[in-house]
C-alpha atoms as a PDB file:
ATOM      1  CA  MET A   1     -14.976   3.196   5.730  1.00  0.00           C
ATOM      2  CA  LYS A   2     -15.436   4.778   2.312  1.00  0.00           C
ATOM      3  CA  ILE A   3     -13.781   8.367   1.366  1.00  0.00           C
ATOM      4  CA  GLU A   4     -14.319  10.104  -1.996  1.00  0.00           C
ATOM      5  CA  PHE A   5     -11.438  12.453  -2.787  1.00  0.00           C
ATOM      6  CA  SER A   6      -9.921  14.154  -5.565  1.00  0.00           C
ATOM      7  CA  LEU A   7      -6.089  14.820  -5.931  1.00  0.00           C
ATOM      8  CA  ASN A   8      -6.651  17.977  -4.296  1.00  0.00           C
ATOM      9  CA  GLU A   9      -8.184  16.587  -1.247  1.00  0.00           C
ATOM     10  CA  ILE A  10      -5.837  13.229  -1.192  1.00  0.00           C
ATOM     11  CA  ASN A  11      -4.144  14.630   1.872  1.00  0.00           C
ATOM     12  CA  LYS A  12      -7.505  14.626   3.853  1.00  0.00           C
ATOM     13  CA  ALA A  13      -8.063  11.067   2.627  1.00  0.00           C
ATOM     14  CA  VAL A  14      -4.510   9.875   3.848  1.00  0.00           C
ATOM     15  CA  VAL A  15      -5.326  11.576   7.383  1.00  0.00           C
ATOM     16  CA  LEU A  16      -8.587   9.533   7.596  1.00  0.00           C
ATOM     17  CA  LEU A  17      -7.247   6.453   6.456  1.00  0.00           C
ATOM     18  CA  ASN A  18      -3.995   6.736   8.682  1.00  0.00           C
ATOM     19  CA  GLU A  19      -6.041   7.316  11.991  1.00  0.00           C
ATOM     20  CA  LYS A  20      -7.711   3.805  11.321  1.00  0.00           C
ATOM     21  CA  LEU A  21      -4.799   1.793  10.596  1.00  0.00           C
ATOM     22  CA  ILE A  22      -3.771  -0.400  13.376  1.00  0.00           C
ATOM     23  CA  HIS A  23      -2.069  -3.261  11.320  1.00  0.00           C
ATOM     24  CA  PRO A  24       1.501  -3.182   9.855  1.00  0.00           C
ATOM     25  CA  ILE A  25       0.292  -4.919   6.555  1.00  0.00           C
ATOM     26  CA  VAL A  26      -1.875  -2.875   4.218  1.00  0.00           C
ATOM     27  CA  CYS A  27      -2.922  -4.079   0.871  1.00  0.00           C
ATOM     28  CA  PHE A  28      -4.009  -1.601  -1.901  1.00  0.00           C
ATOM     29  CA  ASN A  29      -6.009  -3.135  -4.809  1.00  0.00           C
ATOM     30  CA  GLY A  30      -7.456  -1.287  -7.671  1.00  0.00           C
ATOM     31  CA  ASP A  31      -7.131  -1.154 -11.220  1.00  0.00           C
ATOM     32  CA  LEU A  32      -3.893   0.487 -13.309  1.00  0.00           C
ATOM     33  CA  GLY A  33      -4.227   4.063 -12.987  1.00  0.00           C
ATOM     34  CA  ALA A  34      -6.573   3.789  -9.762  1.00  0.00           C
ATOM     35  CA  GLY A  35      -3.999   5.815  -7.698  1.00  0.00           C
ATOM     36  CA  LYS A  36      -2.424   3.231  -5.485  1.00  0.00           C
ATOM     37  CA  THR A  37       1.110   4.426  -5.756  1.00  0.00           C
ATOM     38  CA  THR A  38       0.160   8.257  -5.634  1.00  0.00           C
ATOM     39  CA  PHE A  39      -1.644   7.298  -2.314  1.00  0.00           C
ATOM     40  CA  ILE A  40       1.030   5.578  -0.792  1.00  0.00           C
ATOM     41  CA  ARG A  41       3.491   8.215  -1.642  1.00  0.00           C
ATOM     42  CA  GLN A  42       1.257  10.630   0.401  1.00  0.00           C
ATOM     43  CA  LEU A  43       0.901   8.139   3.201  1.00  0.00           C
ATOM     44  CA  CYS A  44       4.694   7.844   3.458  1.00  0.00           C
ATOM     45  CA  LEU A  45       5.141  11.722   3.451  1.00  0.00           C
ATOM     46  CA  GLU A  46       2.360  11.545   6.319  1.00  0.00           C
ATOM     47  CA  TRP A  47       4.905   9.601   7.890  1.00  0.00           C
ATOM     48  CA  GLY A  48       7.951  11.628   7.598  1.00  0.00           C
ATOM     49  CA  VAL A  49       9.435   9.561   4.872  1.00  0.00           C
ATOM     50  CA  MET A  50      12.381  11.744   3.179  1.00  0.00           C
ATOM     51  CA  ASP A  51      13.363   9.035   0.654  1.00  0.00           C
ATOM     52  CA  ASN A  52      12.231   9.086  -2.763  1.00  0.00           C
ATOM     53  CA  ILE A  53       9.001   7.390  -2.856  1.00  0.00           C
ATOM     54  CA  SER A  54       8.180   5.666  -6.236  1.00  0.00           C
ATOM     55  CA  SER A  55       6.549   2.638  -7.539  1.00  0.00           C
ATOM     56  CA  PRO A  56       8.424  -0.644  -7.263  1.00  0.00           C
ATOM     57  CA  THR A  57       7.340  -1.944 -10.482  1.00  0.00           C
ATOM     58  CA  PHE A  58      10.508  -3.303 -11.655  1.00  0.00           C
ATOM     59  CA  SER A  59      12.295  -3.889  -8.122  1.00  0.00           C
ATOM     60  CA  ILE A  60       9.106  -5.190  -6.852  1.00  0.00           C
ATOM     61  CA  ILE A  61      10.044  -3.752  -3.442  1.00  0.00           C
ATOM     62  CA  ASN A  62      11.271  -0.298  -1.983  1.00  0.00           C
ATOM     63  CA  GLN A  63      12.269   0.379   1.397  1.00  0.00           C
ATOM     64  CA  TYR A  64      11.869   3.716   3.189  1.00  0.00           C
ATOM     65  CA  LYS A  65      12.658   4.980   6.711  1.00  0.00           C
ATOM     66  CA  SER A  66       9.973   6.928   8.461  1.00  0.00           C
ATOM     67  CA  PRO A  67      10.776   8.767  11.768  1.00  0.00           C
ATOM     68  CA  SER A  68       7.640   7.800  13.421  1.00  0.00           C
ATOM     69  CA  LYS A  69       6.895   4.335  11.750  1.00  0.00           C
ATOM     70  CA  GLY A  70      10.795   2.803  11.303  1.00  0.00           C
ATOM     71  CA  ASN A  71      11.039   0.742   8.176  1.00  0.00           C
ATOM     72  CA  VAL A  72       8.576   0.893   5.573  1.00  0.00           C
ATOM     73  CA  PHE A  73       8.549  -1.741   3.137  1.00  0.00           C
ATOM     74  CA  HIS A  74       6.615  -0.784  -0.552  1.00  0.00           C
ATOM     75  CA  PHE A  75       5.980  -3.679  -2.761  1.00  0.00           C
ATOM     76  CA  ASP A  76       4.117  -3.764  -6.521  1.00  0.00           C
ATOM     77  CA  PHE A  77       3.157  -7.306  -7.419  1.00  0.00           C
ATOM     78  CA  TYR A  78       1.938  -6.250 -10.985  1.00  0.00           C
ATOM     79  CA  ARG A  79       4.331  -8.036 -12.539  1.00  0.00           C
ATOM     80  CA  ILE A  80       4.973 -11.246 -10.756  1.00  0.00           C
ATOM     81  CA  GLU A  81       3.473 -14.436 -12.438  1.00  0.00           C
ATOM     82  CA  ASP A  82       3.137 -16.447  -9.338  1.00  0.00           C
ATOM     83  CA  THR A  83       3.588 -16.607  -5.593  1.00  0.00           C
ATOM     84  CA  LYS A  84       6.735 -18.373  -6.146  1.00  0.00           C
ATOM     85  CA  GLU A  85       8.393 -15.130  -7.411  1.00  0.00           C
ATOM     86  CA  ALA A  86       7.332 -13.268  -4.230  1.00  0.00           C
ATOM     87  CA  MET A  87       8.411 -16.344  -1.957  1.00  0.00           C
ATOM     88  CA  ASP A  88      11.997 -16.040  -3.954  1.00  0.00           C
ATOM     89  CA  ILE A  89      12.426 -12.155  -2.883  1.00  0.00           C
ATOM     90  CA  GLY A  90      11.310 -13.140   0.970  1.00  0.00           C
ATOM     91  CA  VAL A  91       8.212 -11.703   1.066  1.00  0.00           C
ATOM     92  CA  GLU A  92       7.099 -13.975   3.967  1.00  0.00           C
ATOM     93  CA  GLU A  93      10.007 -12.670   6.275  1.00  0.00           C
ATOM     94  CA  TYR A  94       9.170  -9.009   5.475  1.00  0.00           C
ATOM     95  CA  LEU A  95       5.362  -9.752   6.350  1.00  0.00           C
ATOM     96  CA  ASP A  96       6.521 -11.569   9.607  1.00  0.00           C
ATOM     97  CA  SER A  97       8.798  -8.755  10.571  1.00  0.00           C
ATOM     98  CA  GLY A  98       6.119  -6.621  12.275  1.00  0.00           C
ATOM     99  CA  GLN A  99       7.203  -3.436  10.135  1.00  0.00           C
ATOM    100  CA  ILE A 100       4.875  -1.715   7.961  1.00  0.00           C
ATOM    101  CA  CYS A 101       4.270  -3.470   4.384  1.00  0.00           C
ATOM    102  CA  LEU A 102       2.739  -1.353   1.781  1.00  0.00           C
ATOM    103  CA  ILE A 103       1.694  -3.750  -1.005  1.00  0.00           C
ATOM    104  CA  GLU A 104      -0.028  -3.101  -4.489  1.00  0.00           C
ATOM    105  CA  TRP A 105      -1.529  -5.797  -6.258  1.00  0.00           C
ATOM    106  CA  GLY A 106      -1.912  -7.806  -3.074  1.00  0.00           C
ATOM    107  CA  ASP A 107      -4.550 -10.057  -4.776  1.00  0.00           C
ATOM    108  CA  LYS A 108      -1.409 -11.752  -6.687  1.00  0.00           C
ATOM    109  CA  ILE A 109       0.089 -13.153  -3.360  1.00  0.00           C
ATOM    110  CA  LYS A 110      -3.358 -13.826  -1.558  1.00  0.00           C
ATOM    111  CA  SER A 111      -2.519 -16.927  -0.586  1.00  0.00           C
ATOM    112  CA  LEU A 112       0.860 -15.830   1.221  1.00  0.00           C
ATOM    113  CA  LEU A 113      -0.935 -12.855   3.148  1.00  0.00           C
ATOM    114  CA  PRO A 114      -1.784 -13.720   6.934  1.00  0.00           C
ATOM    115  CA  GLN A 115      -5.612 -13.360   7.866  1.00  0.00           C
ATOM    116  CA  GLU A 116      -4.624 -11.028  10.901  1.00  0.00           C
ATOM    117  CA  ASN A 117      -2.356  -7.897  11.280  1.00  0.00           C
ATOM    118  CA  ILE A 118      -3.762  -6.997   7.667  1.00  0.00           C
ATOM    119  CA  HIS A 119      -5.765  -4.037   5.989  1.00  0.00           C
ATOM    120  CA  ILE A 120      -7.254  -4.540   2.577  1.00  0.00           C
ATOM    121  CA  VAL A 121      -7.819  -0.804   0.790  1.00  0.00           C
ATOM    122  CA  GLU A 122      -9.605  -0.783  -2.529  1.00  0.00           C
ATOM    123  CA  ILE A 123      -9.113   2.362  -4.582  1.00  0.00           C
ATOM    124  CA  SER A 124     -11.103   3.050  -7.629  1.00  0.00           C
ATOM    125  CA  LEU A 125     -11.895   5.798 -10.057  1.00  0.00           C
ATOM    126  CA  ALA A 126     -15.496   7.785  -9.253  1.00  0.00           C
ATOM    127  CA  ALA A 127     -14.849  10.538 -11.967  1.00  0.00           C
ATOM    128  CA  VAL A 128     -12.054  11.627 -14.365  1.00  0.00           C
ATOM    129  CA  ASN A 129     -10.532  13.419 -11.168  1.00  0.00           C
ATOM    130  CA  LYS A 130     -12.197  11.541  -8.187  1.00  0.00           C
ATOM    131  CA  ARG A 131     -11.236   8.440  -6.449  1.00  0.00           C
ATOM    132  CA  VAL A 132     -12.979   6.316  -3.869  1.00  0.00           C
ATOM    133  CA  LEU A 133     -11.010   4.806  -1.310  1.00  0.00           C
ATOM    134  CA  GLU A 134     -12.514   2.090   0.838  1.00  0.00           C
ATOM    135  CA  LEU A 135     -11.162   0.368   3.979  1.00  0.00           C
ATOM    136  CA  LYS A 136     -12.631  -3.257   3.581  1.00  0.00           C
ATOM    137  CA  LYS A 137     -10.734  -4.980   6.505  1.00  0.00           C
END
């Protein structure tokens, strides 16, 4: 599935992706500024999250509550140096919990990610105000 959207159309893209999500782990990959956090924020709003949804760049993980999905864990692994850092925060327990894990920069912990129960989403810039989202797995 491939969707091109602008910020004005992000809700439409969120709804389309949400219909395809069946696994609890979703990795969002893309360059800096591609819109990973913005998309995750809109996805969480779609799920009814009322918490402050922000990038966990410095905390590495944020937890939100969704009335329809339960716990939602939002990770940002941009700043980690190696997989040991992710293991030190207990990422494997989160991944095995069955709860939703939304992961930015999942490529940095690729060896820790399960082969099943996971979606890979690529977000890229198509133009100044356009993004392309591709559900790869």
